[in-house]
Amino acid sequence: MALSDHERKLLAEMEAALEQEDPRLLSTLTGKARTKQGSRALLGFGILIIGLLVLISGLIAKATVVGVIAFLISLSGVILILTNLSVKPPATKGRKFGLGSTLEDRWDRRNNNEI
C-alpha cells in the first residue's frame, strides 16, 4: 500500500527532525558509514587482541617482562574501546529532546494554526 503525499511529507519532516536531534541514532538505524568513534573502538579491539596474543607468547616463553608489556597493551586497547563506545547525553538548552517532544510541538503548532 503506497503512502499518500501527506504521509510522505510527514515522514520526511520526522526524518529531518530526527537527523537534527540525534544524527548518530539516524546513522545507526539507516546503516550509514561508521563514525570515527566506531573506527576507534575497532582499533581498540585490535589492540586488545594483539595484547592478548603477546601475553600468551610471554606465558609460553616464561618472560615476565613480556607479560607486563602485553598487559599494558591490552589495557590500552580496553580503555580505547570504553572511551569511544560511551554514551554521551545531549546538552540541553532549556528545551526538551526526543521524538515525543517533537511530535508534541507539532501537535501544538497544528492546533494553534487551526484555531
N, C-alpha and C. Protein backbone atom coordinates (compact mmCIF):
# COMPACT_ATOMS: atom_id res chain seq x y z
N MET A 1 0.85 -1.18 0.00
CA MET A 1 0.00 0.00 0.00
C MET A 1 0.89 1.24 0.00
N ALA A 2 0.70 2.09 -0.96
CA ALA A 2 1.53 3.29 -1.12
C ALA A 2 1.11 4.37 -0.14
N LEU A 3 2.06 5.21 0.22
CA LEU A 3 1.78 6.33 1.12
C LEU A 3 1.20 7.49 0.34
N SER A 4 0.33 8.23 0.98
CA SER A 4 -0.21 9.42 0.34
C SER A 4 0.84 10.53 0.41
N ASP A 5 0.60 11.60 -0.32
CA ASP A 5 1.54 12.73 -0.32
C ASP A 5 1.68 13.33 1.07
N HIS A 6 0.57 13.43 1.77
CA HIS A 6 0.59 14.00 3.12
C HIS A 6 1.42 13.12 4.05
N GLU A 7 1.26 11.81 3.94
CA GLU A 7 2.02 10.89 4.79
C GLU A 7 3.51 10.93 4.46
N ARG A 8 3.85 11.04 3.17
CA ARG A 8 5.25 11.15 2.79
C ARG A 8 5.86 12.44 3.33
N LYS A 9 5.09 13.52 3.30
CA LYS A 9 5.58 14.80 3.80
C LYS A 9 5.81 14.72 5.31
N LEU A 10 4.89 14.11 6.05
CA LEU A 10 5.06 13.96 7.49
C LEU A 10 6.26 13.07 7.81
N LEU A 11 6.44 12.01 7.07
CA LEU A 11 7.57 11.12 7.28
C LEU A 11 8.89 11.85 7.01
N ALA A 12 8.93 12.65 5.97
CA ALA A 12 10.14 13.42 5.67
C ALA A 12 10.44 14.43 6.77
N GLU A 13 9.40 15.06 7.31
CA GLU A 13 9.59 16.01 8.41
C GLU A 13 10.12 15.30 9.66
N MET A 14 9.58 14.13 9.95
CA MET A 14 10.04 13.38 11.12
C MET A 14 11.49 12.93 10.95
N GLU A 15 11.87 12.52 9.75
CA GLU A 15 13.26 12.13 9.50
C GLU A 15 14.20 13.32 9.64
N ALA A 16 13.77 14.48 9.15
CA ALA A 16 14.61 15.68 9.26
C ALA A 16 14.79 16.08 10.73
N ALA A 17 13.71 15.97 11.50
CA ALA A 17 13.80 16.30 12.92
C ALA A 17 14.70 15.31 13.66
N LEU A 18 14.59 14.05 13.31
CA LEU A 18 15.45 13.04 13.93
C LEU A 18 16.91 13.27 13.57
N GLU A 19 17.16 13.65 12.34
CA GLU A 19 18.54 13.91 11.91
C GLU A 19 19.13 15.09 12.67
N GLN A 20 18.33 16.11 12.95
CA GLN A 20 18.82 17.27 13.71
C GLN A 20 19.06 16.92 15.16
N GLU A 21 18.17 16.13 15.75
CA GLU A 21 18.26 15.84 17.18
C GLU A 21 19.33 14.81 17.51
N ASP A 22 19.41 13.74 16.72
CA ASP A 22 20.35 12.67 17.04
C ASP A 22 20.89 12.04 15.75
N PRO A 23 21.91 12.65 15.15
CA PRO A 23 22.42 12.11 13.89
C PRO A 23 23.08 10.74 14.06
N ARG A 24 23.65 10.45 15.24
CA ARG A 24 24.27 9.14 15.47
C ARG A 24 23.22 8.05 15.44
N LEU A 25 22.06 8.30 16.05
CA LEU A 25 20.99 7.31 16.04
C LEU A 25 20.50 7.08 14.61
N LEU A 26 20.35 8.15 13.86
CA LEU A 26 19.89 8.03 12.48
C LEU A 26 20.88 7.22 11.65
N SER A 27 22.19 7.47 11.82
CA SER A 27 23.17 6.72 11.05
C SER A 27 23.18 5.25 11.47
N THR A 28 22.90 4.99 12.75
CA THR A 28 22.83 3.61 13.22
C THR A 28 21.61 2.91 12.62
N LEU A 29 20.48 3.59 12.61
CA LEU A 29 19.25 2.99 12.09
C LEU A 29 19.28 2.80 10.58
N THR A 30 19.90 3.72 9.86
CA THR A 30 19.93 3.62 8.41
C THR A 30 21.10 2.81 7.91
N GLY A 31 22.07 2.50 8.78
CA GLY A 31 23.21 1.69 8.38
C GLY A 31 24.24 2.45 7.57
N LYS A 32 24.36 3.75 7.79
CA LYS A 32 25.35 4.54 7.08
C LYS A 32 26.75 4.19 7.57
N ALA A 33 27.73 4.84 7.01
CA ALA A 33 29.13 4.55 7.33
C ALA A 33 29.42 4.77 8.81
N ARG A 34 30.44 4.06 9.28
CA ARG A 34 30.83 4.16 10.69
C ARG A 34 31.34 5.55 11.03
N THR A 35 31.16 5.92 12.27
CA THR A 35 31.70 7.18 12.74
C THR A 35 33.15 6.98 13.15
N LYS A 36 33.82 8.06 13.47
CA LYS A 36 35.20 7.96 13.93
C LYS A 36 35.26 7.17 15.23
N GLN A 37 34.25 7.33 16.07
CA GLN A 37 34.25 6.61 17.34
C GLN A 37 34.15 5.11 17.12
N GLY A 38 33.35 4.70 16.16
CA GLY A 38 33.24 3.28 15.86
C GLY A 38 34.54 2.71 15.32
N SER A 39 35.22 3.50 14.49
CA SER A 39 36.51 3.06 13.95
C SER A 39 37.55 2.96 15.06
N ARG A 40 37.52 3.92 15.96
CA ARG A 40 38.48 3.89 17.08
C ARG A 40 38.19 2.72 18.01
N ALA A 41 36.92 2.38 18.18
CA ALA A 41 36.57 1.23 19.01
C ALA A 41 37.08 -0.05 18.37
N LEU A 42 36.98 -0.15 17.04
CA LEU A 42 37.53 -1.31 16.34
C LEU A 42 39.05 -1.36 16.46
N LEU A 43 39.68 -0.20 16.40
CA LEU A 43 41.13 -0.14 16.60
C LEU A 43 41.49 -0.63 18.00
N GLY A 44 40.72 -0.20 18.99
CA GLY A 44 40.94 -0.66 20.36
C GLY A 44 40.77 -2.16 20.50
N PHE A 45 39.80 -2.71 19.80
CA PHE A 45 39.59 -4.16 19.82
C PHE A 45 40.79 -4.88 19.20
N GLY A 46 41.32 -4.33 18.12
CA GLY A 46 42.50 -4.91 17.50
C GLY A 46 43.71 -4.86 18.43
N ILE A 47 43.89 -3.74 19.13
CA ILE A 47 44.99 -3.61 20.09
C ILE A 47 44.81 -4.60 21.23
N LEU A 48 43.59 -4.79 21.67
CA LEU A 48 43.31 -5.77 22.73
C LEU A 48 43.70 -7.18 22.29
N ILE A 49 43.34 -7.55 21.08
CA ILE A 49 43.68 -8.89 20.56
C ILE A 49 45.20 -9.06 20.46
N ILE A 50 45.88 -8.04 19.95
CA ILE A 50 47.34 -8.10 19.85
C ILE A 50 47.97 -8.25 21.23
N GLY A 51 47.45 -7.48 22.20
CA GLY A 51 47.96 -7.58 23.56
C GLY A 51 47.77 -8.97 24.15
N LEU A 52 46.62 -9.57 23.89
CA LEU A 52 46.37 -10.93 24.40
C LEU A 52 47.30 -11.95 23.73
N LEU A 53 47.56 -11.78 22.44
CA LEU A 53 48.48 -12.69 21.75
C LEU A 53 49.90 -12.54 22.30
N VAL A 54 50.31 -11.31 22.57
CA VAL A 54 51.63 -11.10 23.16
C VAL A 54 51.68 -11.68 24.57
N LEU A 55 50.59 -11.56 25.31
CA LEU A 55 50.52 -12.13 26.66
C LEU A 55 50.68 -13.64 26.63
N ILE A 56 50.01 -14.28 25.70
CA ILE A 56 50.12 -15.74 25.57
C ILE A 56 51.55 -16.14 25.19
N SER A 57 52.13 -15.37 24.26
CA SER A 57 53.52 -15.68 23.88
C SER A 57 54.47 -15.45 25.05
N GLY A 58 54.20 -14.46 25.89
CA GLY A 58 55.01 -14.23 27.08
C GLY A 58 54.87 -15.35 28.08
N LEU A 59 53.68 -15.90 28.19
CA LEU A 59 53.47 -17.04 29.09
C LEU A 59 54.21 -18.28 28.58
N ILE A 60 54.18 -18.48 27.28
CA ILE A 60 54.88 -19.63 26.70
C ILE A 60 56.39 -19.49 26.89
N ALA A 61 56.90 -18.26 26.69
CA ALA A 61 58.34 -18.03 26.83
C ALA A 61 58.76 -17.87 28.29
N LYS A 62 57.80 -17.81 29.20
CA LYS A 62 58.05 -17.62 30.63
C LYS A 62 58.86 -16.35 30.89
N ALA A 63 58.47 -15.27 30.18
CA ALA A 63 59.13 -13.97 30.33
C ALA A 63 58.16 -13.01 31.00
N THR A 64 58.48 -12.63 32.23
CA THR A 64 57.59 -11.76 33.00
C THR A 64 57.48 -10.37 32.38
N VAL A 65 58.59 -9.85 31.86
CA VAL A 65 58.59 -8.52 31.27
C VAL A 65 57.65 -8.46 30.07
N VAL A 66 57.66 -9.48 29.25
CA VAL A 66 56.78 -9.54 28.09
C VAL A 66 55.32 -9.59 28.55
N GLY A 67 55.04 -10.32 29.62
CA GLY A 67 53.69 -10.39 30.16
C GLY A 67 53.19 -9.05 30.66
N VAL A 68 54.06 -8.29 31.34
CA VAL A 68 53.68 -6.96 31.84
C VAL A 68 53.43 -6.02 30.68
N ILE A 69 54.29 -6.05 29.67
CA ILE A 69 54.10 -5.19 28.49
C ILE A 69 52.81 -5.58 27.77
N ALA A 70 52.54 -6.86 27.65
CA ALA A 70 51.31 -7.32 27.00
C ALA A 70 50.07 -6.88 27.77
N PHE A 71 50.16 -6.91 29.09
CA PHE A 71 49.03 -6.44 29.91
C PHE A 71 48.77 -4.97 29.65
N LEU A 72 49.83 -4.17 29.58
CA LEU A 72 49.66 -2.73 29.32
C LEU A 72 49.08 -2.48 27.93
N ILE A 73 49.49 -3.28 26.95
CA ILE A 73 48.93 -3.15 25.60
C ILE A 73 47.44 -3.48 25.62
N SER A 74 47.09 -4.57 26.28
CA SER A 74 45.68 -4.97 26.37
C SER A 74 44.86 -3.93 27.11
N LEU A 75 45.41 -3.39 28.18
CA LEU A 75 44.71 -2.37 28.96
C LEU A 75 44.46 -1.12 28.12
N SER A 76 45.45 -0.72 27.32
CA SER A 76 45.24 0.46 26.46
C SER A 76 44.15 0.18 25.42
N GLY A 77 44.09 -1.05 24.92
CA GLY A 77 43.02 -1.39 23.97
C GLY A 77 41.65 -1.32 24.61
N VAL A 78 41.52 -1.82 25.85
CA VAL A 78 40.23 -1.78 26.56
C VAL A 78 39.84 -0.33 26.85
N ILE A 79 40.80 0.48 27.25
CA ILE A 79 40.49 1.89 27.52
C ILE A 79 40.03 2.59 26.25
N LEU A 80 40.68 2.29 25.13
CA LEU A 80 40.28 2.89 23.85
C LEU A 80 38.87 2.47 23.47
N ILE A 81 38.53 1.22 23.70
CA ILE A 81 37.18 0.74 23.41
C ILE A 81 36.16 1.45 24.29
N LEU A 82 36.42 1.50 25.58
CA LEU A 82 35.45 2.08 26.52
C LEU A 82 35.26 3.57 26.32
N THR A 83 36.30 4.29 25.99
CA THR A 83 36.15 5.74 25.81
C THR A 83 35.42 6.08 24.53
N ASN A 84 35.46 5.21 23.53
CA ASN A 84 34.80 5.51 22.27
C ASN A 84 33.42 4.91 22.14
N LEU A 85 33.03 4.04 23.04
CA LEU A 85 31.68 3.49 22.99
C LEU A 85 30.79 4.04 24.09
N SER A 86 31.27 5.01 24.84
CA SER A 86 30.46 5.57 25.91
C SER A 86 29.35 6.42 25.32
N VAL A 87 28.20 6.40 25.96
CA VAL A 87 27.04 7.16 25.51
C VAL A 87 27.07 8.52 26.19
N LYS A 88 27.08 9.56 25.37
CA LYS A 88 27.12 10.91 25.90
C LYS A 88 25.75 11.55 25.72
N PRO A 89 25.13 12.02 26.81
CA PRO A 89 23.81 12.64 26.67
C PRO A 89 23.92 13.99 25.98
N PRO A 90 22.93 14.37 25.19
CA PRO A 90 22.98 15.66 24.51
C PRO A 90 22.85 16.80 25.51
N ALA A 91 23.53 17.89 25.21
CA ALA A 91 23.46 19.07 26.07
C ALA A 91 22.11 19.75 25.86
N THR A 92 21.40 19.97 26.95
CA THR A 92 20.08 20.59 26.84
C THR A 92 20.22 22.09 26.98
N LYS A 93 19.45 22.81 26.24
CA LYS A 93 19.46 24.27 26.28
C LYS A 93 18.07 24.78 26.65
N GLY A 94 17.49 24.18 27.67
CA GLY A 94 16.18 24.62 28.12
C GLY A 94 15.04 24.09 27.27
N ARG A 95 15.33 23.15 26.42
CA ARG A 95 14.28 22.61 25.57
C ARG A 95 14.33 21.09 25.64
N LYS A 96 13.19 20.47 25.46
CA LYS A 96 13.11 19.01 25.52
C LYS A 96 13.61 18.40 24.22
N PHE A 97 14.20 17.21 24.36
CA PHE A 97 14.67 16.47 23.20
C PHE A 97 13.90 15.17 23.09
N GLY A 98 13.87 14.65 21.92
CA GLY A 98 13.25 13.36 21.70
C GLY A 98 12.12 13.44 20.71
N LEU A 99 11.76 12.28 20.21
CA LEU A 99 10.71 12.20 19.21
C LEU A 99 9.37 12.60 19.81
N GLY A 100 9.12 12.22 21.07
CA GLY A 100 7.84 12.55 21.71
C GLY A 100 7.64 14.05 21.83
N SER A 101 8.69 14.77 22.25
CA SER A 101 8.55 16.21 22.40
C SER A 101 8.39 16.89 21.04
N THR A 102 9.05 16.35 20.01
CA THR A 102 8.91 16.91 18.67
C THR A 102 7.48 16.75 18.18
N LEU A 103 6.92 15.57 18.41
CA LEU A 103 5.54 15.35 17.99
C LEU A 103 4.57 16.23 18.78
N GLU A 104 4.85 16.42 20.07
CA GLU A 104 4.01 17.31 20.87
C GLU A 104 4.08 18.74 20.35
N ASP A 105 5.29 19.21 20.00
CA ASP A 105 5.43 20.56 19.45
C ASP A 105 4.65 20.71 18.14
N ARG A 106 4.74 19.71 17.29
CA ARG A 106 3.99 19.77 16.03
C ARG A 106 2.49 19.77 16.27
N TRP A 107 2.06 18.98 17.23
CA TRP A 107 0.64 18.93 17.56
C TRP A 107 0.16 20.30 18.05
N ASP A 108 0.96 20.92 18.91
CA ASP A 108 0.59 22.24 19.42
C ASP A 108 0.57 23.27 18.29
N ARG A 109 1.58 23.23 17.40
CA ARG A 109 1.59 24.18 16.29
C ARG A 109 0.41 23.96 15.36
N ARG A 110 0.07 22.71 15.13
CA ARG A 110 -1.05 22.39 14.25
C ARG A 110 -2.36 22.90 14.86
N ASN A 111 -2.53 22.68 16.16
CA ASN A 111 -3.75 23.14 16.81
C ASN A 111 -3.83 24.65 16.88
N ASN A 112 -2.71 25.31 17.07
CA ASN A 112 -2.71 26.76 17.10
C ASN A 112 -3.01 27.37 15.75
N ASN A 113 -2.56 26.72 14.68
CA ASN A 113 -2.83 27.23 13.35
C ASN A 113 -4.29 27.01 12.93
N GLU A 114 -4.92 25.97 13.44
CA GLU A 114 -6.30 25.68 13.05
C GLU A 114 -7.31 26.54 13.78
N ILE A 115 -6.92 27.05 14.93
CA ILE A 115 -7.89 27.84 15.71
C ILE A 115 -8.07 29.21 15.16
